C-alpha atoms as a PDB file:
ATOM      1  CA  MET A   1      39.936 -13.574 -29.580  1.00  0.00           C
ATOM      2  CA  VAL A   2      39.201 -15.780 -26.591  1.00  0.00           C
ATOM      3  CA  ILE A   3      37.679 -19.251 -27.011  1.00  0.00           C
ATOM      4  CA  THR A   4      36.449 -21.093 -23.917  1.00  0.00           C
ATOM      5  CA  TYR A   5      36.311 -24.840 -24.562  1.00  0.00           C
ATOM      6  CA  ILE A   6      36.613 -28.300 -22.963  1.00  0.00           C
ATOM      7  CA  ALA A   7      39.936 -30.010 -23.756  1.00  0.00           C
ATOM      8  CA  VAL A   8      39.369 -33.451 -25.273  1.00  0.00           C
ATOM      9  CA  GLU A   9      42.066 -33.869 -27.964  1.00  0.00           C
ATOM     10  CA  ASN A  10      45.724 -33.005 -28.569  1.00  0.00           C
ATOM     11  CA  LEU A  11      46.165 -32.072 -24.912  1.00  0.00           C
ATOM     12  CA  PHE A  12      48.737 -29.399 -24.155  1.00  0.00           C
ATOM     13  CA  SER A  13      51.349 -30.249 -21.531  1.00  0.00           C
ATOM     14  CA  GLY A  14      49.817 -29.869 -18.063  1.00  0.00           C
ATOM     15  CA  HIS A  15      46.216 -29.784 -19.311  1.00  0.00           C
ATOM     16  CA  VAL A  16      43.699 -32.334 -18.065  1.00  0.00           C
ATOM     17  CA  LEU A  17      41.139 -34.189 -20.169  1.00  0.00           C
ATOM     18  CA  ASN A  18      37.571 -32.790 -19.914  1.00  0.00           C
ATOM     19  CA  GLN A  19      38.678 -29.592 -18.152  1.00  0.00           C
ATOM     20  CA  GLN A  20      37.649 -26.138 -19.335  1.00  0.00           C
ATOM     21  CA  TYR A  21      40.370 -23.877 -20.731  1.00  0.00           C
ATOM     22  CA  GLN A  22      40.635 -20.596 -22.583  1.00  0.00           C
ATOM     23  CA  PHE A  23      42.642 -20.049 -25.749  1.00  0.00           C
ATOM     24  CA  GLU A  24      43.618 -16.474 -26.523  1.00  0.00           C
ATOM     25  CA  ALA A  25      45.087 -15.175 -29.777  1.00  0.00           C
ATOM     26  CA  PRO A  26      44.605 -11.985 -31.782  1.00  0.00           C
ATOM     27  CA  VAL A  27      42.651 -12.406 -34.998  1.00  0.00           C
ATOM     28  CA  SER A  28      43.785 -11.298 -38.427  1.00  0.00           C
ATOM     29  CA  ALA A  29      40.296 -11.795 -39.902  1.00  0.00           C
ATOM     30  CA  TYR A  30      36.816 -11.841 -38.347  1.00  0.00           C
ATOM     31  CA  ASP A  31      33.769 -12.038 -40.622  1.00  0.00           C
ATOM     32  CA  ILE A  32      30.116 -12.693 -39.815  1.00  0.00           C
ATOM     33  CA  LEU A  33      28.391 -14.450 -42.703  1.00  0.00           C
ATOM     34  CA  PRO A  34      24.567 -14.276 -42.544  1.00  0.00           C
ATOM     35  CA  GLN A  35      22.688 -16.868 -44.570  1.00  0.00           C
ATOM     36  CA  ARG A  36      18.991 -17.458 -45.271  1.00  0.00           C
ATOM     37  CA  ILE A  37      18.061 -21.125 -45.342  1.00  0.00           C
ATOM     38  CA  LYS A  38      15.614 -21.538 -48.205  1.00  0.00           C
ATOM     39  CA  ARG A  39      14.306 -24.254 -50.439  1.00  0.00           C
ATOM     40  CA  TYR A  40      12.903 -23.467 -53.851  1.00  0.00           C
ATOM     41  CA  THR A  41      10.281 -25.766 -55.343  1.00  0.00           C
ATOM     42  CA  GLU A  42       7.876 -25.678 -58.231  1.00  0.00           C
ATOM     43  CA  SER A  43       4.375 -27.120 -58.258  1.00  0.00           C
ATOM     44  CA  LEU A  44       3.141 -29.358 -61.079  1.00  0.00           C
ATOM     45  CA  ASN A  45       1.433 -26.385 -62.765  1.00  0.00           C
ATOM     46  CA  GLY A  46       4.687 -24.385 -62.726  1.00  0.00           C
ATOM     47  CA  ASN A  47       4.035 -22.049 -59.788  1.00  0.00           C
ATOM     48  CA  PRO A  48       7.258 -21.346 -57.872  1.00  0.00           C
ATOM     49  CA  GLN A  49       7.309 -21.692 -54.094  1.00  0.00           C
ATOM     50  CA  THR A  50       9.935 -20.701 -51.580  1.00  0.00           C
ATOM     51  CA  LEU A  51      10.156 -22.396 -48.212  1.00  0.00           C
ATOM     52  CA  ASP A  52      12.040 -20.156 -45.785  1.00  0.00           C
ATOM     53  CA  TYR A  53      13.497 -22.070 -42.837  1.00  0.00           C
ATOM     54  CA  GLY A  54      15.049 -19.037 -41.195  1.00  0.00           C
ATOM     55  CA  LYS A  55      18.459 -17.465 -40.860  1.00  0.00           C
ATOM     56  CA  ARG A  56      21.756 -19.012 -39.850  1.00  0.00           C
ATOM     57  CA  ASP A  57      24.778 -16.875 -39.076  1.00  0.00           C
ATOM     58  CA  THR A  58      28.302 -18.164 -39.241  1.00  0.00           C
ATOM     59  CA  VAL A  59      31.547 -16.529 -38.193  1.00  0.00           C
ATOM     60  CA  ARG A  60      34.848 -17.028 -39.975  1.00  0.00           C
ATOM     61  CA  ILE A  61      38.022 -16.305 -38.016  1.00  0.00           C
ATOM     62  CA  SER A  62      41.747 -16.468 -38.686  1.00  0.00           C
ATOM     63  CA  THR A  63      44.440 -16.071 -36.067  1.00  0.00           C
ATOM     64  CA  ILE A  64      47.553 -14.013 -36.484  1.00  0.00           C
ATOM     65  CA  ASP A  65      50.732 -15.993 -37.111  1.00  0.00           C
ATOM     66  CA  LEU A  66      51.458 -18.197 -34.070  1.00  0.00           C
ATOM     67  CA  PHE A  67      54.697 -19.769 -32.831  1.00  0.00           C
ATOM     68  CA  GLY A  68      55.834 -22.255 -30.164  1.00  0.00           C
ATOM     69  CA  ASP A  69      53.449 -23.018 -27.287  1.00  0.00           C
ATOM     70  CA  ASP A  70      50.734 -20.889 -28.909  1.00  0.00           C
ATOM     71  CA  VAL A  71      50.645 -23.366 -31.806  1.00  0.00           C
ATOM     72  CA  LEU A  72      50.263 -26.309 -29.397  1.00  0.00           C
ATOM     73  CA  LEU A  73      47.460 -24.535 -27.515  1.00  0.00           C
ATOM     74  CA  ALA A  74      45.738 -23.674 -30.809  1.00  0.00           C
ATOM     75  CA  ARG A  75      45.914 -27.322 -31.899  1.00  0.00           C
ATOM     76  CA  GLU A  76      44.349 -28.427 -28.611  1.00  0.00           C
ATOM     77  CA  CYS A  77      41.590 -25.828 -28.865  1.00  0.00           C
ATOM     78  CA  PHE A  78      40.717 -26.293 -32.540  1.00  0.00           C
ATOM     79  CA  ASN A  79      40.854 -30.108 -32.372  1.00  0.00           C
ATOM     80  CA  SER A  80      38.794 -30.214 -29.167  1.00  0.00           C
ATOM     81  CA  ILE A  81      35.935 -28.122 -30.556  1.00  0.00           C
ATOM     82  CA  LEU A  82      36.034 -30.008 -33.855  1.00  0.00           C
ATOM     83  CA  ASN A  83      33.997 -32.834 -32.273  1.00  0.00           C
ATOM     84  CA  GLY A  84      30.851 -30.701 -32.131  1.00  0.00           C
ATOM     85  CA  GLN A  85      31.022 -29.314 -28.612  1.00  0.00           C
ATOM     86  CA  THR A  86      29.367 -25.977 -27.951  1.00  0.00           C
ATOM     87  CA  PHE A  87      31.848 -23.285 -26.943  1.00  0.00           C
ATOM     88  CA  THR A  88      31.954 -19.550 -26.362  1.00  0.00           C
ATOM     89  CA  MET A  89      34.043 -17.041 -28.245  1.00  0.00           C
ATOM     90  CA  ASP A  90      34.826 -13.384 -27.685  1.00  0.00           C
ATOM     91  CA  PRO A  91      36.140 -12.577 -31.167  1.00  0.00           C
ATOM     92  CA  LEU A  92      37.606  -9.153 -30.425  1.00  0.00           C
ATOM     93  CA  GLY A  93      38.443  -9.305 -26.724  1.00  0.00           C
ATOM     94  CA  THR A  94      41.161 -10.675 -24.496  1.00  0.00           C
ATOM     95  CA  ILE A  95      41.005 -12.545 -21.200  1.00  0.00           C
ATOM     96  CA  ALA A  96      42.012  -9.346 -19.371  1.00  0.00           C
ATOM     97  CA  SER A  97      39.747  -7.078 -21.431  1.00  0.00           C
ATOM     98  CA  PRO A  98      36.548  -8.670 -22.806  1.00  0.00           C
ATOM     99  CA  SER A  99      34.968  -6.857 -25.754  1.00  0.00           C
ATOM    100  CA  GLY A 100      31.362  -7.393 -24.684  1.00  0.00           C
ATOM    101  CA  THR A 101      30.633  -9.565 -27.721  1.00  0.00           C
ATOM    102  CA  LEU A 102      30.201 -13.145 -26.534  1.00  0.00           C
ATOM    103  CA  LEU A 103      29.148 -15.717 -29.128  1.00  0.00           C
ATOM    104  CA  THR A 104      28.001 -19.257 -28.379  1.00  0.00           C
ATOM    105  CA  CYS A 105      29.126 -21.369 -31.310  1.00  0.00           C
ATOM    106  CA  VAL A 106      29.514 -24.862 -32.700  1.00  0.00           C
ATOM    107  CA  HIS A 107      31.758 -26.049 -35.508  1.00  0.00           C
ATOM    108  CA  HIS A 108      30.119 -25.484 -38.894  1.00  0.00           C
ATOM    109  CA  LEU A 109      32.134 -27.418 -41.466  1.00  0.00           C
ATOM    110  CA  ASP A 110      33.802 -30.105 -39.299  1.00  0.00           C
ATOM    111  CA  LYS A 111      37.256 -28.888 -40.262  1.00  0.00           C
ATOM    112  CA  PHE A 112      39.721 -26.107 -39.665  1.00  0.00           C
ATOM    113  CA  ARG A 113      42.821 -24.928 -41.449  1.00  0.00           C
ATOM    114  CA  GLU A 114      46.311 -25.033 -39.984  1.00  0.00           C
ATOM    115  CA  ALA A 115      48.605 -23.285 -42.435  1.00  0.00           C
ATOM    116  CA  ARG A 116      52.368 -23.513 -42.065  1.00  0.00           C
ATOM    117  CA  LEU A 117      53.984 -20.277 -43.145  1.00  0.00           C
ATOM    118  CA  SER A 118      56.901 -20.972 -45.440  1.00  0.00           C
ATOM    119  CA  VAL A 119      59.425 -23.412 -43.964  1.00  0.00           C
ATOM    120  CA  THR A 120      59.315 -21.805 -40.532  1.00  0.00           C
ATOM    121  CA  ASP A 121      57.582 -23.007 -37.389  1.00  0.00           C
ATOM    122  CA  TRP A 122      54.995 -20.222 -37.621  1.00  0.00           C
ATOM    123  CA  PHE A 123      51.367 -21.275 -38.202  1.00  0.00           C
ATOM    124  CA  GLN A 124      48.044 -19.598 -38.840  1.00  0.00           C
ATOM    125  CA  PHE A 125      44.717 -21.192 -37.888  1.00  0.00           C
ATOM    126  CA  SER A 126      41.325 -20.460 -39.438  1.00  0.00           C
ATOM    127  CA  ALA A 127      37.853 -21.949 -39.126  1.00  0.00           C
ATOM    128  CA  THR A 128      34.169 -21.266 -39.661  1.00  0.00           C
ATOM    129  CA  TYR A 129      31.692 -21.653 -36.803  1.00  0.00           C
ATOM    130  CA  ARG A 130      27.904 -21.565 -36.621  1.00  0.00           C
ATOM    131  CA  ILE A 131      26.629 -18.915 -34.205  1.00  0.00           C
ATOM    132  CA  LEU A 132      23.978 -20.358 -31.888  1.00  0.00           C
ATOM    133  CA  SER A 133      23.475 -17.196 -29.849  1.00  0.00           C
ATOM    134  CA  GLY A 134      25.180 -13.936 -29.012  1.00  0.00           C
ATOM    135  CA  SER A 135      25.517 -10.398 -30.094  1.00  0.00           C
END
């Protein structure tokens, strides 16, 4: 997975505020979650109505277990995009070998998960993003 973002929080050593960077880490999970946005109502005489507002796709990703500088870079990336900035993600590619799937996303739930694995310094990151465009 490669995420291209603007660094604004938890800056990694040597990184500059408001500069574009790429974070690369293999994923352990990658799921696209399609969702119809509907509203169900009922008229006064009991007739049901469905208002369909369209479809919204989200993507849920989890990194493999990360250690050392990779954890610091992940914190910078995930905290920076948490503020609602639009970013691009290649969920299955690398910087050297793009997969051809480029998603433009924005944070969906205003949170991410940073899980410490046991009592070690290994961490796993996961988040859900709304897909704005891409294939």
